[in-house]
Amino acid sequence: MIVRDLRPDARADLEGFARVRHRALPYILVTPESLAHDLAHMHPHAHYRPLVAVADDEVIGTAQVRLSHESSEPGQGNINVYVDPEHTRRGAGALLVRAAEEHLAAHGAVRLHSWVLDEPGNRAFAEQHGYRAGRSAHFLRLDLENGALPPLQAPPPGVELRRGSDFADDPRPLFELDAETAADEPSDVEFEFTDYEAWLEETWRHPLLDLDLTSVAVVDGRPAAFSAARTDGGTRYDTAMTGTARAYRGRGLAKLAKNDSLHRARAAGRTEAFTGNDTGNGPMIAINKWFGYEVCATEVRYVRDPA
């Protein structure tokens, strides 16, 4: 078994990485195209380095490794390791962690963060490597094919529902809305989006972002709330972000936008919807329960301060 860099020009690497991620974590959308895009467009200050563990010419483990370059706290590193469930207990995870930690240490990481599935084996693995448990988050799933969505609601007076694709000529208002709402998301690392060009490359032009299924509530010509949709080219749909500008909160605009997006996703043939919530984000959990989402897995955020 060896651990090496993911090769962006090798289709087998990209497909192997996506396959392992889907088997280990089927609640997150990933495709070979999205992996290639991330490699090509991630900000250089992130020092992004996806790794693969290979045995008998087969990718059996993966690691996404990067610095949180948007953070106001320098040196916040991220390591997310996933091994194919059929190939655990062979040492792939330990090799990936070691290579990832060495890479981040070389680029000045002072704290390491990792999301770990809330299962005994995964948690024990993290703790054996010196990580301590912190906050947690849920993955949620909604059966779009057989479930009953809340009925569509007409926008209140002065509110217009638009699609993300309507902002193709000038997406900056959506950048500003995304930056404001993301800054208020529960997190153990403070960060802010300030680089519009980087956001265009990493977010707006991402191959998973479905602008036609993204819904935006506009008030007085200004985007006030949105629900950003990602799709994998098949039947799966994911809410990448739902939020409301601070000045417009408490008016049900995020729920309005998300309901519009979900109905259009179902009409477009999407059959499964996924999203994620910090377990402390009560308002968003309540909204998702109203839609019919059910918790399908939980992750725990583990942290380690290298000596």
Protein backbone atom coordinates (compact mmCIF):
# COMPACT_ATOMS: atom_id res chain seq x y z
CA MET A 1 0.00 0.00 0.00
CA ILE A 2 1.18 3.51 -0.82
CA VAL A 3 -0.10 7.02 -0.15
CA ARG A 4 0.41 9.62 -2.86
CA ASP A 5 -1.09 12.74 -4.38
CA LEU A 6 -4.30 12.49 -6.36
CA ARG A 7 -3.35 12.86 -10.04
CA PRO A 8 -5.76 15.29 -11.71
CA ASP A 9 -4.92 13.99 -15.18
CA ALA A 10 -5.63 10.35 -14.26
CA ARG A 11 -9.31 9.49 -14.70
CA ALA A 12 -8.86 6.33 -12.63
CA ASP A 13 -7.66 8.42 -9.67
CA LEU A 14 -10.59 10.83 -9.89
CA GLU A 15 -13.13 8.04 -10.24
CA GLY A 16 -11.51 6.05 -7.44
CA PHE A 17 -11.53 9.05 -5.09
CA ALA A 18 -15.19 9.77 -5.87
CA ARG A 19 -16.11 6.10 -5.41
CA VAL A 20 -14.49 5.86 -1.98
CA ARG A 21 -16.10 9.09 -0.83
CA HIS A 22 -19.52 7.89 -1.95
CA ARG A 23 -19.15 4.52 -0.22
CA ALA A 24 -17.87 6.01 3.02
CA LEU A 25 -20.01 9.15 3.06
CA PRO A 26 -23.00 8.84 0.71
CA TYR A 27 -24.59 12.04 2.03
CA ILE A 28 -22.18 14.39 0.22
CA LEU A 29 -22.07 14.91 -3.53
CA VAL A 30 -18.73 14.40 -5.23
CA THR A 31 -17.86 13.60 -8.84
CA PRO A 32 -14.62 13.25 -10.79
CA GLU A 33 -15.39 16.61 -12.38
CA SER A 34 -15.87 18.35 -9.03
CA LEU A 35 -12.57 16.92 -7.75
CA ALA A 36 -10.71 18.12 -10.84
CA HIS A 37 -12.27 21.56 -10.47
CA ASP A 38 -11.23 21.84 -6.82
CA LEU A 39 -7.67 20.88 -7.69
CA ALA A 40 -7.49 23.42 -10.49
CA HIS A 41 -9.19 26.34 -8.72
CA MET A 42 -8.64 26.09 -4.96
CA HIS A 43 -6.92 29.25 -3.68
CA PRO A 44 -3.13 28.75 -3.53
CA HIS A 45 -3.07 29.91 0.11
CA ALA A 46 -5.16 26.85 1.00
CA HIS A 47 -2.23 24.58 0.06
CA TYR A 48 -4.88 22.08 -0.96
CA ARG A 49 -3.55 18.54 -1.33
CA PRO A 50 -5.90 15.61 -1.91
CA LEU A 51 -4.26 12.27 -1.14
CA VAL A 52 -5.10 8.69 -2.05
CA ALA A 53 -4.15 5.37 -0.49
CA VAL A 54 -3.64 2.77 -3.21
CA ALA A 55 -3.42 -1.02 -2.86
CA ASP A 56 -3.18 -3.39 -5.82
CA ASP A 57 -3.70 -0.41 -8.17
CA GLU A 58 -7.03 0.40 -6.50
CA VAL A 59 -7.85 3.59 -4.58
CA ILE A 60 -9.04 2.42 -1.17
CA GLY A 61 -8.62 5.58 0.93
CA THR A 62 -8.75 9.35 0.49
CA ALA A 63 -7.82 12.52 2.34
CA GLN A 64 -8.74 16.13 1.65
CA VAL A 65 -6.10 18.37 3.18
CA ARG A 66 -6.08 22.16 3.25
CA LEU A 67 -5.61 25.32 5.29
CA SER A 68 -8.61 27.56 6.02
CA HIS A 69 -7.20 30.49 4.10
CA GLU A 70 -10.42 32.52 4.62
CA SER A 71 -9.97 32.39 8.40
CA SER A 72 -8.88 35.40 10.46
CA GLU A 73 -6.96 32.88 12.59
CA PRO A 74 -3.80 31.78 10.72
CA GLY A 75 -2.73 28.17 10.68
CA GLN A 76 -6.09 26.38 10.84
CA GLY A 77 -5.63 23.07 9.06
CA ASN A 78 -8.26 20.60 7.84
CA ILE A 79 -7.88 16.85 7.37
CA ASN A 80 -10.83 14.75 6.26
CA VAL A 81 -9.95 11.07 5.83
CA TYR A 82 -12.30 8.44 4.42
CA VAL A 83 -11.48 4.80 3.70
CA ASP A 84 -13.59 2.42 1.65
CA PRO A 85 -15.65 0.45 4.23
CA GLU A 86 -14.53 -2.78 2.55
CA HIS A 87 -10.85 -1.92 3.13
CA THR A 88 -10.70 -0.66 6.70
CA ARG A 89 -8.22 -1.96 9.31
CA ARG A 90 -5.42 -2.22 6.76
CA GLY A 91 -3.53 0.90 7.86
CA ALA A 92 -4.68 3.19 5.05
CA GLY A 93 -6.21 5.73 7.42
CA ALA A 94 -3.10 6.00 9.56
CA LEU A 95 -0.86 6.50 6.53
CA LEU A 96 -3.16 9.21 5.16
CA VAL A 97 -3.29 11.04 8.49
CA ARG A 98 0.50 11.02 8.82
CA ALA A 99 1.03 12.36 5.29
CA ALA A 100 -1.66 15.01 5.77
CA GLU A 101 -0.27 16.20 9.10
CA GLU A 102 3.24 16.46 7.67
CA HIS A 103 1.97 18.52 4.74
CA LEU A 104 0.04 20.95 6.95
CA ALA A 105 2.90 21.28 9.44
CA ALA A 106 5.20 22.26 6.58
CA HIS A 107 2.77 25.08 5.75
CA GLY A 108 2.44 26.49 9.25
CA ALA A 109 -0.63 24.74 10.66
CA VAL A 110 -1.00 25.30 14.42
CA ARG A 111 -4.34 23.53 14.84
CA LEU A 112 -5.82 20.58 12.97
CA HIS A 113 -9.54 19.97 12.44
CA SER A 114 -11.22 16.84 11.18
CA TRP A 115 -14.83 15.76 10.70
CA VAL A 116 -15.33 12.17 11.87
CA LEU A 117 -18.46 10.03 11.56
CA ASP A 118 -20.11 9.53 14.93
CA GLU A 119 -19.41 5.81 15.07
CA PRO A 120 -17.30 4.01 17.71
CA GLY A 121 -14.55 2.87 15.34
CA ASN A 122 -14.14 6.26 13.69
CA ARG A 123 -14.12 8.14 16.98
CA ALA A 124 -11.62 5.72 18.52
CA PHE A 125 -9.34 6.18 15.49
CA ALA A 126 -9.37 9.98 15.89
CA GLU A 127 -8.70 9.80 19.62
CA GLN A 128 -5.84 7.33 19.13
CA HIS A 129 -4.20 9.96 16.93
CA GLY A 130 -4.47 12.64 19.60
CA TYR A 131 -7.63 14.42 18.47
CA ARG A 132 -10.32 15.56 20.90
CA ALA A 133 -14.04 15.80 20.19
CA GLY A 134 -15.81 19.12 19.73
CA ARG A 135 -18.98 20.28 17.99
CA SER A 136 -21.16 18.01 15.91
CA ALA A 137 -23.36 18.21 12.82
CA HIS A 138 -26.13 16.18 11.24
CA PHE A 139 -26.53 14.91 7.71
CA LEU A 140 -30.18 14.97 6.68
CA ARG A 141 -32.03 13.26 3.83
CA LEU A 142 -35.37 13.97 2.19
CA ASP A 143 -37.17 11.53 -0.11
CA LEU A 144 -38.17 13.83 -2.95
CA GLU A 145 -39.75 11.06 -4.99
CA ASN A 146 -42.16 9.71 -2.38
CA GLY A 147 -42.23 12.38 0.30
CA ALA A 148 -44.76 15.20 0.56
CA LEU A 149 -43.26 18.67 0.31
CA PRO A 150 -45.06 21.61 1.92
CA PRO A 151 -47.24 23.37 -0.66
CA LEU A 152 -45.68 26.18 -2.63
CA GLN A 153 -46.24 29.61 -1.13
CA ALA A 154 -46.78 32.82 -3.05
CA PRO A 155 -44.14 35.43 -2.20
CA PRO A 156 -45.42 38.18 0.09
CA PRO A 157 -45.88 41.69 -1.33
CA GLY A 158 -42.58 43.26 -2.35
CA VAL A 159 -40.76 39.90 -2.58
CA GLU A 160 -39.79 38.23 -5.86
CA LEU A 161 -38.44 34.71 -6.32
CA ARG A 162 -35.67 34.40 -8.87
CA ARG A 163 -33.17 31.75 -9.98
CA GLY A 164 -29.43 31.85 -9.48
CA SER A 165 -29.00 31.81 -13.25
CA ASP A 166 -30.76 35.20 -13.39
CA PHE A 167 -27.59 36.66 -11.85
CA ALA A 168 -25.21 35.19 -14.43
CA ASP A 169 -24.22 38.62 -15.77
CA ASP A 170 -23.44 40.02 -12.32
CA PRO A 171 -23.19 37.50 -9.46
CA ARG A 172 -21.60 39.97 -7.02
CA PRO A 173 -24.88 40.55 -5.09
CA LEU A 174 -25.04 36.81 -4.42
CA PHE A 175 -21.39 36.82 -3.35
CA GLU A 176 -22.19 39.54 -0.81
CA LEU A 177 -25.22 37.61 0.47
CA ASP A 178 -23.25 34.36 0.69
CA ALA A 179 -20.41 36.10 2.55
CA GLU A 180 -22.77 37.69 5.09
CA THR A 181 -24.72 34.53 5.83
CA ALA A 182 -21.66 32.27 5.93
CA ALA A 183 -20.04 34.54 8.51
CA ASP A 184 -22.95 33.80 10.87
CA GLU A 185 -22.84 30.01 10.46
CA PRO A 186 -21.95 28.12 13.67
CA SER A 187 -18.25 27.23 13.47
CA ASP A 188 -15.20 26.76 15.64
CA VAL A 189 -13.09 28.71 13.13
CA GLU A 190 -13.89 32.33 12.33
CA PHE A 191 -13.71 33.16 8.65
CA GLU A 192 -15.02 35.61 6.09
CA PHE A 193 -15.27 35.72 2.31
CA THR A 194 -13.52 38.81 1.01
CA ASP A 195 -12.02 37.63 -2.29
CA TYR A 196 -14.68 37.93 -4.98
CA GLU A 197 -12.52 36.45 -7.74
CA ALA A 198 -11.69 33.41 -5.60
CA TRP A 199 -15.39 32.95 -4.81
CA LEU A 200 -16.20 33.04 -8.52
CA GLU A 201 -13.68 30.26 -9.22
CA GLU A 202 -14.31 28.08 -6.18
CA THR A 203 -18.07 28.49 -5.72
CA TRP A 204 -19.91 30.18 -8.57
CA ARG A 205 -18.24 28.19 -11.36
CA HIS A 206 -18.17 24.92 -9.45
CA PRO A 207 -19.50 22.07 -11.61
CA LEU A 208 -21.86 20.82 -8.89
CA LEU A 209 -23.58 24.21 -8.44
CA ASP A 210 -26.96 24.15 -10.19
CA LEU A 211 -27.89 27.75 -10.85
CA ASP A 212 -31.25 26.86 -12.38
CA LEU A 213 -32.32 25.09 -9.17
CA THR A 214 -30.83 27.75 -6.89
CA SER A 215 -33.56 30.07 -5.59
CA VAL A 216 -33.16 33.69 -4.50
CA ALA A 217 -35.70 35.86 -2.67
CA VAL A 218 -35.29 39.45 -3.83
CA VAL A 219 -36.60 42.45 -1.86
CA ASP A 220 -36.49 45.93 -3.41
CA GLY A 221 -34.07 44.68 -6.04
CA ARG A 222 -31.65 43.22 -3.50
CA PRO A 223 -31.08 39.48 -2.89
CA ALA A 224 -32.29 39.01 0.67
CA ALA A 225 -32.30 35.20 1.05
CA PHE A 226 -31.21 32.23 -1.00
CA SER A 227 -30.98 28.46 -1.16
CA ALA A 228 -28.01 27.25 -3.21
CA ALA A 229 -28.48 23.90 -4.95
CA ARG A 230 -25.89 21.35 -5.98
CA THR A 231 -26.59 18.36 -8.20
CA ASP A 232 -24.41 15.49 -9.40
CA GLY A 233 -25.85 15.12 -12.88
CA GLY A 234 -28.09 12.28 -11.74
CA THR A 235 -30.97 12.12 -9.28
CA ARG A 236 -29.24 13.53 -6.18
CA TYR A 237 -29.67 17.11 -4.97
CA ASP A 238 -27.89 18.88 -2.13
CA THR A 239 -28.52 22.20 -0.42
CA ALA A 240 -25.08 23.77 -0.26
CA MET A 241 -26.21 26.81 1.73
CA THR A 242 -29.44 28.47 2.80
CA GLY A 243 -29.40 31.85 4.46
CA THR A 244 -30.91 35.29 4.89
CA ALA A 245 -29.27 38.71 5.09
CA ARG A 246 -29.35 40.04 8.65
CA ALA A 247 -31.69 42.93 7.79
CA TYR A 248 -34.36 40.55 6.45
CA ARG A 249 -34.37 37.75 9.01
CA GLY A 250 -37.55 36.66 10.76
CA ARG A 251 -39.72 36.99 7.64
CA GLY A 252 -39.60 33.39 6.42
CA LEU A 253 -37.62 34.24 3.30
CA ALA A 254 -35.11 31.39 3.60
CA LYS A 255 -37.95 28.88 3.94
CA LEU A 256 -39.66 30.46 0.93
CA ALA A 257 -36.51 30.16 -1.22
CA LYS A 258 -35.73 26.60 -0.14
CA ASN A 259 -39.28 25.41 -0.76
CA ASP A 260 -39.19 26.90 -4.24
CA SER A 261 -35.88 25.18 -4.97
CA LEU A 262 -37.05 21.79 -3.66
CA HIS A 263 -40.23 21.84 -5.72
CA ARG A 264 -38.30 22.68 -8.88
CA ALA A 265 -35.71 19.99 -8.07
CA ARG A 266 -38.45 17.37 -7.82
CA ALA A 267 -40.00 18.56 -11.08
CA ALA A 268 -36.56 18.23 -12.71
CA GLY A 269 -36.35 14.55 -11.73
CA ARG A 270 -34.26 14.73 -8.57
CA THR A 271 -35.32 11.99 -6.15
CA GLU A 272 -33.05 12.47 -3.10
CA ALA A 273 -32.27 15.71 -1.29
CA PHE A 274 -29.46 16.08 1.23
CA THR A 275 -28.37 18.87 3.53
CA GLY A 276 -26.35 19.36 6.71
CA ASN A 277 -26.89 21.23 9.98
CA ASP A 278 -24.73 22.04 12.94
CA THR A 279 -26.48 20.40 15.89
CA GLY A 280 -26.60 23.80 17.59
CA ASN A 281 -28.35 25.52 14.68
CA GLY A 282 -31.87 25.19 16.03
CA PRO A 283 -33.64 27.52 13.55
CA MET A 284 -32.33 25.68 10.48
CA ILE A 285 -33.00 22.26 12.00
CA ALA A 286 -36.61 23.34 12.60
CA ILE A 287 -36.95 24.50 8.99
CA ASN A 288 -35.60 21.22 7.65
CA LYS A 289 -37.92 19.18 9.86
CA TRP A 290 -40.80 21.24 8.44
CA PHE A 291 -39.73 20.12 4.98
CA GLY A 292 -39.63 16.48 6.07
CA TYR A 293 -35.86 15.94 6.28
CA GLU A 294 -34.68 13.18 8.60
CA VAL A 295 -31.27 12.78 10.21
CA CYS A 296 -29.36 10.00 8.45
CA ALA A 297 -25.91 10.36 10.07
CA THR A 298 -23.91 12.57 12.42
CA GLU A 299 -20.34 13.83 12.28
CA VAL A 300 -18.18 15.08 15.14
CA ARG A 301 -15.55 17.78 14.71
CA TYR A 302 -12.23 16.63 16.18
CA VAL A 303 -9.35 18.98 16.94
CA ARG A 304 -5.65 18.53 17.65
CA ASP A 305 -2.99 21.07 18.56
CA PRO A 306 0.34 19.72 17.29
CA ALA A 307 3.16 19.92 19.82
